[in-house]
Protein backbone atom coordinates (compact mmCIF):
# COMPACT_ATOMS: atom_id res chain seq x y z
CA UNK A 1 51.83 0.44 124.10
CA UNK A 2 55.32 -0.28 124.70
CA UNK A 3 58.90 1.04 123.83
CA UNK A 4 59.70 -1.44 120.94
CA UNK A 5 63.18 0.06 119.89
CA UNK A 6 65.57 2.83 120.47
CA UNK A 7 67.88 4.34 117.85
CA UNK A 8 70.56 6.82 118.73
CA UNK A 9 73.34 8.80 116.98
CA UNK A 10 75.58 11.38 118.03
CA UNK A 11 74.05 11.82 121.45
CA UNK A 12 76.38 12.04 124.17
CA UNK A 13 78.68 8.88 124.27
CA UNK A 14 77.07 7.26 121.22
CA UNK A 15 78.86 8.98 117.99
CA UNK A 16 77.77 6.43 115.68
CA UNK A 17 74.35 5.15 115.09
CA UNK A 18 73.06 2.21 117.26
CA UNK A 19 69.82 0.52 117.48
CA UNK A 20 68.69 -1.74 120.07
CA UNK A 21 66.90 -5.24 119.33
CA UNK A 22 63.18 -5.52 119.86
CA UNK A 23 62.16 -5.06 123.22
CA UNK A 24 60.00 -7.39 125.15
CA UNK A 25 56.54 -5.95 126.11
CA UNK A 26 57.03 -7.11 129.66
CA UNK A 27 60.46 -6.61 131.15
CA UNK A 28 63.74 -5.69 129.82
CA UNK A 29 67.04 -5.40 131.45
CA UNK A 30 70.04 -3.37 130.22
CA UNK A 31 73.52 -4.44 131.56
CA UNK A 32 77.08 -3.29 130.59
CA UNK A 33 80.36 -2.57 132.40
CA UNK A 34 80.91 0.95 134.02
CA UNK A 35 81.27 3.61 131.22
CA UNK A 36 79.50 1.44 128.52
CA UNK A 37 76.65 3.97 128.29
CA UNK A 38 73.74 2.79 130.13
CA UNK A 39 73.04 6.09 132.09
CA UNK A 40 73.24 7.72 128.43
CA UNK A 41 70.93 5.51 127.22
CA UNK A 42 68.23 6.27 129.77
CA UNK A 43 69.13 10.05 129.24
CA UNK A 44 68.39 9.30 125.46
CA UNK A 45 64.73 7.97 126.25
CA UNK A 46 64.42 10.88 128.71
CA UNK A 47 65.60 13.41 126.17
CA UNK A 48 62.57 12.46 124.02
CA UNK A 49 59.91 11.66 126.47
CA UNK A 50 60.72 13.79 129.51
CA UNK A 51 59.83 17.50 130.03
CA UNK A 52 63.17 17.90 131.63
CA UNK A 53 65.04 18.45 128.36
CA UNK A 54 62.07 20.16 126.48
CA UNK A 55 63.49 23.68 126.80
CA UNK A 56 67.14 23.70 125.64
CA UNK A 57 69.34 26.57 125.28
CA UNK A 58 72.35 26.61 122.80
CA UNK A 59 74.87 25.64 125.38
CA UNK A 60 72.61 22.88 126.65
CA UNK A 61 72.23 21.19 123.31
CA UNK A 62 76.04 21.58 122.74
CA UNK A 63 76.55 19.47 125.87
CA UNK A 64 74.19 16.71 124.58
CA UNK A 65 76.50 16.01 121.60
CA UNK A 66 79.14 13.75 121.35
CA UNK A 67 82.40 15.12 122.26
CA UNK A 68 85.02 11.96 121.66
CA UNK A 69 88.32 11.90 119.76
CA UNK A 70 88.04 12.70 115.95
CA UNK A 71 85.78 15.09 114.44
CA UNK A 72 82.89 16.53 116.45
CA UNK A 73 79.39 15.45 115.47
CA UNK A 74 77.11 18.68 114.38
CA UNK A 75 73.81 17.04 115.26
CA UNK A 76 72.45 14.14 117.00
CA UNK A 77 69.22 12.50 117.16
CA UNK A 78 67.22 9.69 119.30
CA UNK A 79 64.29 7.98 117.94
CA UNK A 80 62.14 5.79 119.96
CA UNK A 81 59.65 3.13 118.12
CA UNK A 82 56.51 2.44 119.65
CA UNK A 83 54.21 -0.66 119.61
CA UNK A 84 50.88 1.16 119.40
CA UNK A 85 48.82 -2.10 118.88
CA UNK A 86 46.75 -1.13 121.52
CA UNK A 87 45.88 2.23 120.17
CA UNK A 88 47.19 4.32 123.12
CA UNK A 89 48.85 6.70 121.03
CA UNK A 90 45.98 8.35 119.15
CA UNK A 91 47.50 7.59 115.60
CA UNK A 92 46.10 5.19 113.16
CA UNK A 93 49.20 2.98 113.16
CA UNK A 94 50.51 -0.16 115.00
CA UNK A 95 53.93 1.33 114.81
CA UNK A 96 54.82 5.08 115.63
CA UNK A 97 58.35 6.52 115.34
CA UNK A 98 59.10 9.53 117.16
CA UNK A 99 62.45 11.29 116.59
CA UNK A 100 64.11 14.27 118.10
CA UNK A 101 67.18 15.81 116.33
CA UNK A 102 69.31 18.46 117.88
CA UNK A 103 72.17 20.94 116.92
CA UNK A 104 73.70 23.85 118.17
CA UNK A 105 71.15 26.06 116.16
CA UNK A 106 68.17 23.70 115.77
CA UNK A 107 65.94 21.35 117.79
CA UNK A 108 63.40 19.33 115.77
CA UNK A 109 60.73 16.70 116.08
CA UNK A 110 59.74 14.14 113.70
CA UNK A 111 56.64 11.78 113.61
CA UNK A 112 56.97 9.03 111.42
CA UNK A 113 59.65 10.93 109.60
CA UNK A 114 57.25 13.91 109.21
CA UNK A 115 58.35 17.09 110.62
CA UNK A 116 55.88 18.39 113.75
CA UNK A 117 56.35 21.11 116.14
CA UNK A 118 56.93 20.84 119.83
CA UNK A 119 53.24 21.53 120.95
CA UNK A 120 52.05 18.58 118.92
CA UNK A 121 54.42 16.08 120.43
CA UNK A 122 53.59 17.24 123.75
CA UNK A 123 49.77 16.81 123.08
CA UNK A 124 50.58 13.32 121.77
CA UNK A 125 52.72 12.46 124.63
CA UNK A 126 50.07 13.72 127.07
CA UNK A 127 47.39 11.74 125.44
CA UNK A 128 49.44 8.56 125.46
CA UNK A 129 49.86 9.01 129.61
CA UNK A 130 53.49 10.82 129.46
CA UNK A 131 52.01 13.63 131.31
CA UNK A 132 54.37 16.17 132.75
CA UNK A 133 52.13 16.22 135.99
CA UNK A 134 53.09 12.58 136.58
CA UNK A 135 56.71 12.10 135.81
CA UNK A 136 57.32 8.57 137.21
CA UNK A 137 56.89 6.61 134.15
CA UNK A 138 60.65 6.97 134.32
CA UNK A 139 62.26 5.97 137.53
CA UNK A 140 66.07 7.47 137.65
CA UNK A 141 68.71 5.57 139.38
CA UNK A 142 68.81 6.01 143.22
CA UNK A 143 65.14 6.88 143.37
CA UNK A 144 63.95 3.66 144.90
CA UNK A 145 66.63 3.90 147.82
CA UNK A 146 65.52 7.36 148.21
CA UNK A 147 61.84 6.31 148.55
CA UNK A 148 63.13 3.81 151.36
CA UNK A 149 64.31 6.49 153.57
CA UNK A 150 61.46 8.90 153.12
CA UNK A 151 59.16 9.98 155.80
CA UNK A 152 55.76 8.84 156.08
CA UNK A 153 54.46 12.45 155.09
CA UNK A 154 56.90 12.68 152.10
CA UNK A 155 55.94 9.12 150.92
CA UNK A 156 52.08 10.27 151.30
CA UNK A 157 52.79 13.14 149.09
CA UNK A 158 54.63 11.00 146.67
CA UNK A 159 51.48 8.37 146.52
CA UNK A 160 49.33 11.43 145.76
CA UNK A 161 51.57 12.85 143.01
CA UNK A 162 51.85 9.35 141.36
CA UNK A 163 48.15 8.67 141.91
CA UNK A 164 47.12 12.04 140.44
CA UNK A 165 45.47 13.19 143.66
CA UNK A 166 48.24 15.75 144.42
CA UNK A 167 47.53 17.38 140.98
CA UNK A 168 43.79 17.43 141.74
CA UNK A 169 44.52 19.09 145.17
CA UNK A 170 46.91 21.56 143.56
CA UNK A 171 44.22 22.54 140.99
CA UNK A 172 41.49 22.50 143.53
CA UNK A 173 43.60 25.08 145.64
CA UNK A 174 44.04 27.02 142.34
CA UNK A 175 40.38 26.84 141.44
CA UNK A 176 39.34 28.07 145.10
CA UNK A 177 41.91 30.87 144.86
CA UNK A 178 40.65 31.71 141.44
CA UNK A 179 37.08 31.55 142.97
CA UNK A 180 37.91 33.82 145.80
CA UNK A 181 39.77 36.50 143.37
CA UNK A 182 36.56 36.12 141.32
CA UNK A 183 34.43 36.71 144.10
CA UNK A 184 36.52 39.84 145.24
CA UNK A 185 36.48 41.13 141.78
CA UNK A 186 32.63 40.49 141.60
CA UNK A 187 32.37 42.35 144.90
CA UNK A 188 34.63 45.33 143.55
CA UNK A 189 32.37 45.41 140.45
CA UNK A 190 29.20 45.57 142.49
CA UNK A 191 30.79 48.52 144.37
CA UNK A 192 31.51 50.07 141.18
CA UNK A 193 27.93 49.53 139.69
CA UNK A 194 26.62 51.19 142.89
CA UNK A 195 28.75 54.03 142.69
CA UNK A 196 27.91 54.58 138.79
CA UNK A 197 24.11 54.13 139.86
CA UNK A 198 24.32 56.93 142.51
CA UNK A 199 26.23 59.08 140.23
CA UNK A 200 23.84 58.67 137.64
CA UNK A 201 21.08 59.47 139.90
CA UNK A 202 23.13 62.46 140.90
CA UNK A 203 23.55 63.44 137.35
CA UNK A 204 19.72 62.94 136.39
CA UNK A 205 18.91 65.38 139.20
CA UNK A 206 21.52 67.66 137.83
CA UNK A 207 20.12 67.45 134.62
CA UNK A 208 16.69 68.55 135.74
CA UNK A 209 18.11 71.18 137.59
CA UNK A 210 19.80 72.36 134.49
CA UNK A 211 16.79 72.15 132.43
CA UNK A 212 15.03 74.48 135.11
CA UNK A 213 17.84 76.83 134.88
CA UNK A 214 17.50 77.05 131.20
CA UNK A 215 13.89 77.49 131.17
CA UNK A 216 14.63 80.30 133.81
CA UNK A 217 17.25 81.84 131.78
CA UNK A 218 15.01 81.81 128.82
CA UNK A 219 12.25 83.72 130.66
CA UNK A 220 14.98 86.13 131.84
CA UNK A 221 16.38 86.68 128.62
CA UNK A 222 12.61 87.36 126.92
CA UNK A 223 11.92 89.76 129.69
CA UNK A 224 15.15 91.64 129.44
CA UNK A 225 14.54 91.84 125.56
CA UNK A 226 10.99 93.22 126.14
CA UNK A 227 12.17 95.68 128.66
CA UNK A 228 14.93 96.91 126.55
CA UNK A 229 12.46 96.95 123.59
CA UNK A 230 10.10 99.39 125.92
CA UNK A 231 13.07 101.49 126.98
CA UNK A 232 14.20 102.02 123.52
CA UNK A 233 10.46 102.93 122.41
CA UNK A 234 10.21 105.14 125.36
CA UNK A 235 13.41 106.91 124.64
CA UNK A 236 12.43 107.22 120.85
CA UNK A 237 9.54 108.95 121.92
CA UNK A 238 10.96 111.38 124.26
CA UNK A 239 13.58 112.12 121.62
CA UNK A 240 10.68 112.86 119.18
CA UNK A 241 9.06 115.17 121.84
CA UNK A 242 12.34 116.99 122.54
CA UNK A 243 12.78 117.54 118.88
CA UNK A 244 9.32 119.01 118.41
CA UNK A 245 9.89 121.23 121.29
CA UNK A 246 13.16 122.15 119.91
CA UNK A 247 11.45 123.04 116.58
CA UNK A 248 8.72 125.14 118.33
CA UNK A 249 11.11 126.97 120.37
CA UNK A 250 13.18 127.94 117.21
CA UNK A 251 10.01 129.00 115.45
CA UNK A 252 8.86 131.17 118.68
CA UNK A 253 12.63 132.51 118.70
CA UNK A 254 12.51 133.15 115.17
CA UNK A 255 9.11 135.07 115.53
CA UNK A 256 10.29 137.09 118.50
CA UNK A 257 13.64 138.05 116.55
CA UNK A 258 11.58 139.39 113.82
CA UNK A 259 9.31 141.50 116.32
CA UNK A 260 12.52 142.77 117.94
CA UNK A 261 13.98 143.70 114.37
CA UNK A 262 10.70 145.46 113.16
CA UNK A 263 10.34 147.37 116.55
CA UNK A 264 14.01 148.56 116.16
CA UNK A 265 13.32 149.57 112.56
CA UNK A 266 9.98 151.37 113.84
CA UNK A 267 11.96 153.21 116.47
CA UNK A 268 14.73 154.41 114.31
CA UNK A 269 12.14 155.26 111.75
CA UNK A 270 10.24 157.42 114.45
CA UNK A 271 13.46 159.00 115.79
CA UNK A 272 14.19 160.02 111.93
CA UNK A 273 10.82 161.34 111.62
CA UNK A 274 11.28 163.39 114.77
CA UNK A 275 14.31 164.88 113.68
CA UNK A 276 12.92 165.96 110.33
CA UNK A 277 9.74 167.31 111.98
CA UNK A 278 12.14 169.17 114.46
CA UNK A 279 14.17 170.68 111.70
CA UNK A 280 11.03 171.56 109.47
CA UNK A 281 9.19 173.21 112.51
CA UNK A 282 6.33 170.85 112.71
CA UNK A 283 3.65 171.57 115.31
CA UNK A 284 4.14 170.59 118.78
CA UNK A 285 1.28 168.30 119.04
CA UNK A 286 2.52 166.04 116.19
CA UNK A 287 5.87 165.69 117.95
CA UNK A 288 4.30 164.98 121.35
CA UNK A 289 2.38 162.18 119.64
CA UNK A 290 5.38 160.88 118.00
CA UNK A 291 7.11 161.02 121.37
CA UNK A 292 4.73 158.99 123.16
CA UNK A 293 4.73 156.55 120.09
CA UNK A 294 8.55 156.27 120.73
CA UNK A 295 7.90 155.56 124.34
CA UNK A 296 5.33 153.00 123.56
CA UNK A 297 7.67 151.35 121.05
CA UNK A 298 10.60 151.18 123.62
CA UNK A 299 8.14 149.71 126.16
CA UNK A 300 7.41 146.99 123.68
CA UNK A 301 10.70 146.61 122.94
CA UNK A 302 11.86 146.30 126.55
CA UNK A 303 8.98 143.64 127.17
CA UNK A 304 10.13 141.58 123.97
CA UNK A 305 13.71 141.46 124.60
CA UNK A 306 13.73 139.23 127.72
CA UNK A 307 11.16 137.02 126.19
CA UNK A 308 13.67 136.63 123.13
CA UNK A 309 16.62 136.00 125.34
CA UNK A 310 14.67 133.30 127.15
CA UNK A 311 13.84 131.52 124.01
CA UNK A 312 17.26 131.42 122.84
CA UNK A 313 18.54 130.23 126.36
CA UNK A 314 15.97 127.71 126.13
CA UNK A 315 16.76 126.31 122.34
CA UNK A 316 20.53 126.35 123.53
CA UNK A 317 19.49 123.65 126.24
CA UNK A 318 17.23 121.75 124.02
CA UNK A 319 20.54 121.48 121.65
CA UNK A 320 22.70 120.76 124.48
CA UNK A 321 20.45 118.05 126.06
């Protein structure tokens, strides 16, 4: 694979479209007077192939447009025609045309006049050997003189970079760093897993303790319910007994009240009879008997009255209790 032709229009010093003759697959030489555009010609090739120009801002694109006398151009393009007879570019054609067109607001790629995105172009160039990790497929002016004045260590680094070993070493260092980071992360994960396992063990123990507590609490509540039920039954029984006592006391109090009332009535009747007998002049014997009967009734009344008062007090205490 080699560059077969370059077509330029509107790029830097090339206002009008120019196309080179077919290049040799071996060596080609570009000659011209100072200011004839030799450097811009190589810039045009790098513009398409090198990653230096891959990311351009609007002012960068404006700087690449032709700014000579006359009307300013609005866009520019560089097209490189490749001889792909060896199939190095992975397309099924012996000639491949890659064009890049820029303007103040656009930056587009075309492959054989078909629009493609930038990532497709990068992948295509990478497959053909134009790798950004090895940018020495284009040697800029002054680079050879710079190589002759380099120190041995710098020259060795350059050879490693050209040979691709520097990329390998950098990737190896990156891989080792990733491996170390991964190992550190793995150790952290192991610590986290160990902590989680210990915590799970603690939670399992707490779970068993909670189950035991729930069982004991259930038994406690059951016993409390049984005790409360027993206390309620005992209280109800006591209330029934108190009610029975109150009823009996009330009945006894009523009976005593009747006895007292009857004794009072009997005493009044006897007194009335005594008065009547005294007025009518009855015999003394009958009067004495009546007096004795009055005396006995008074004694009975004296005995009944304290009992009656006692039952009344007892009834009041039962009602208050």
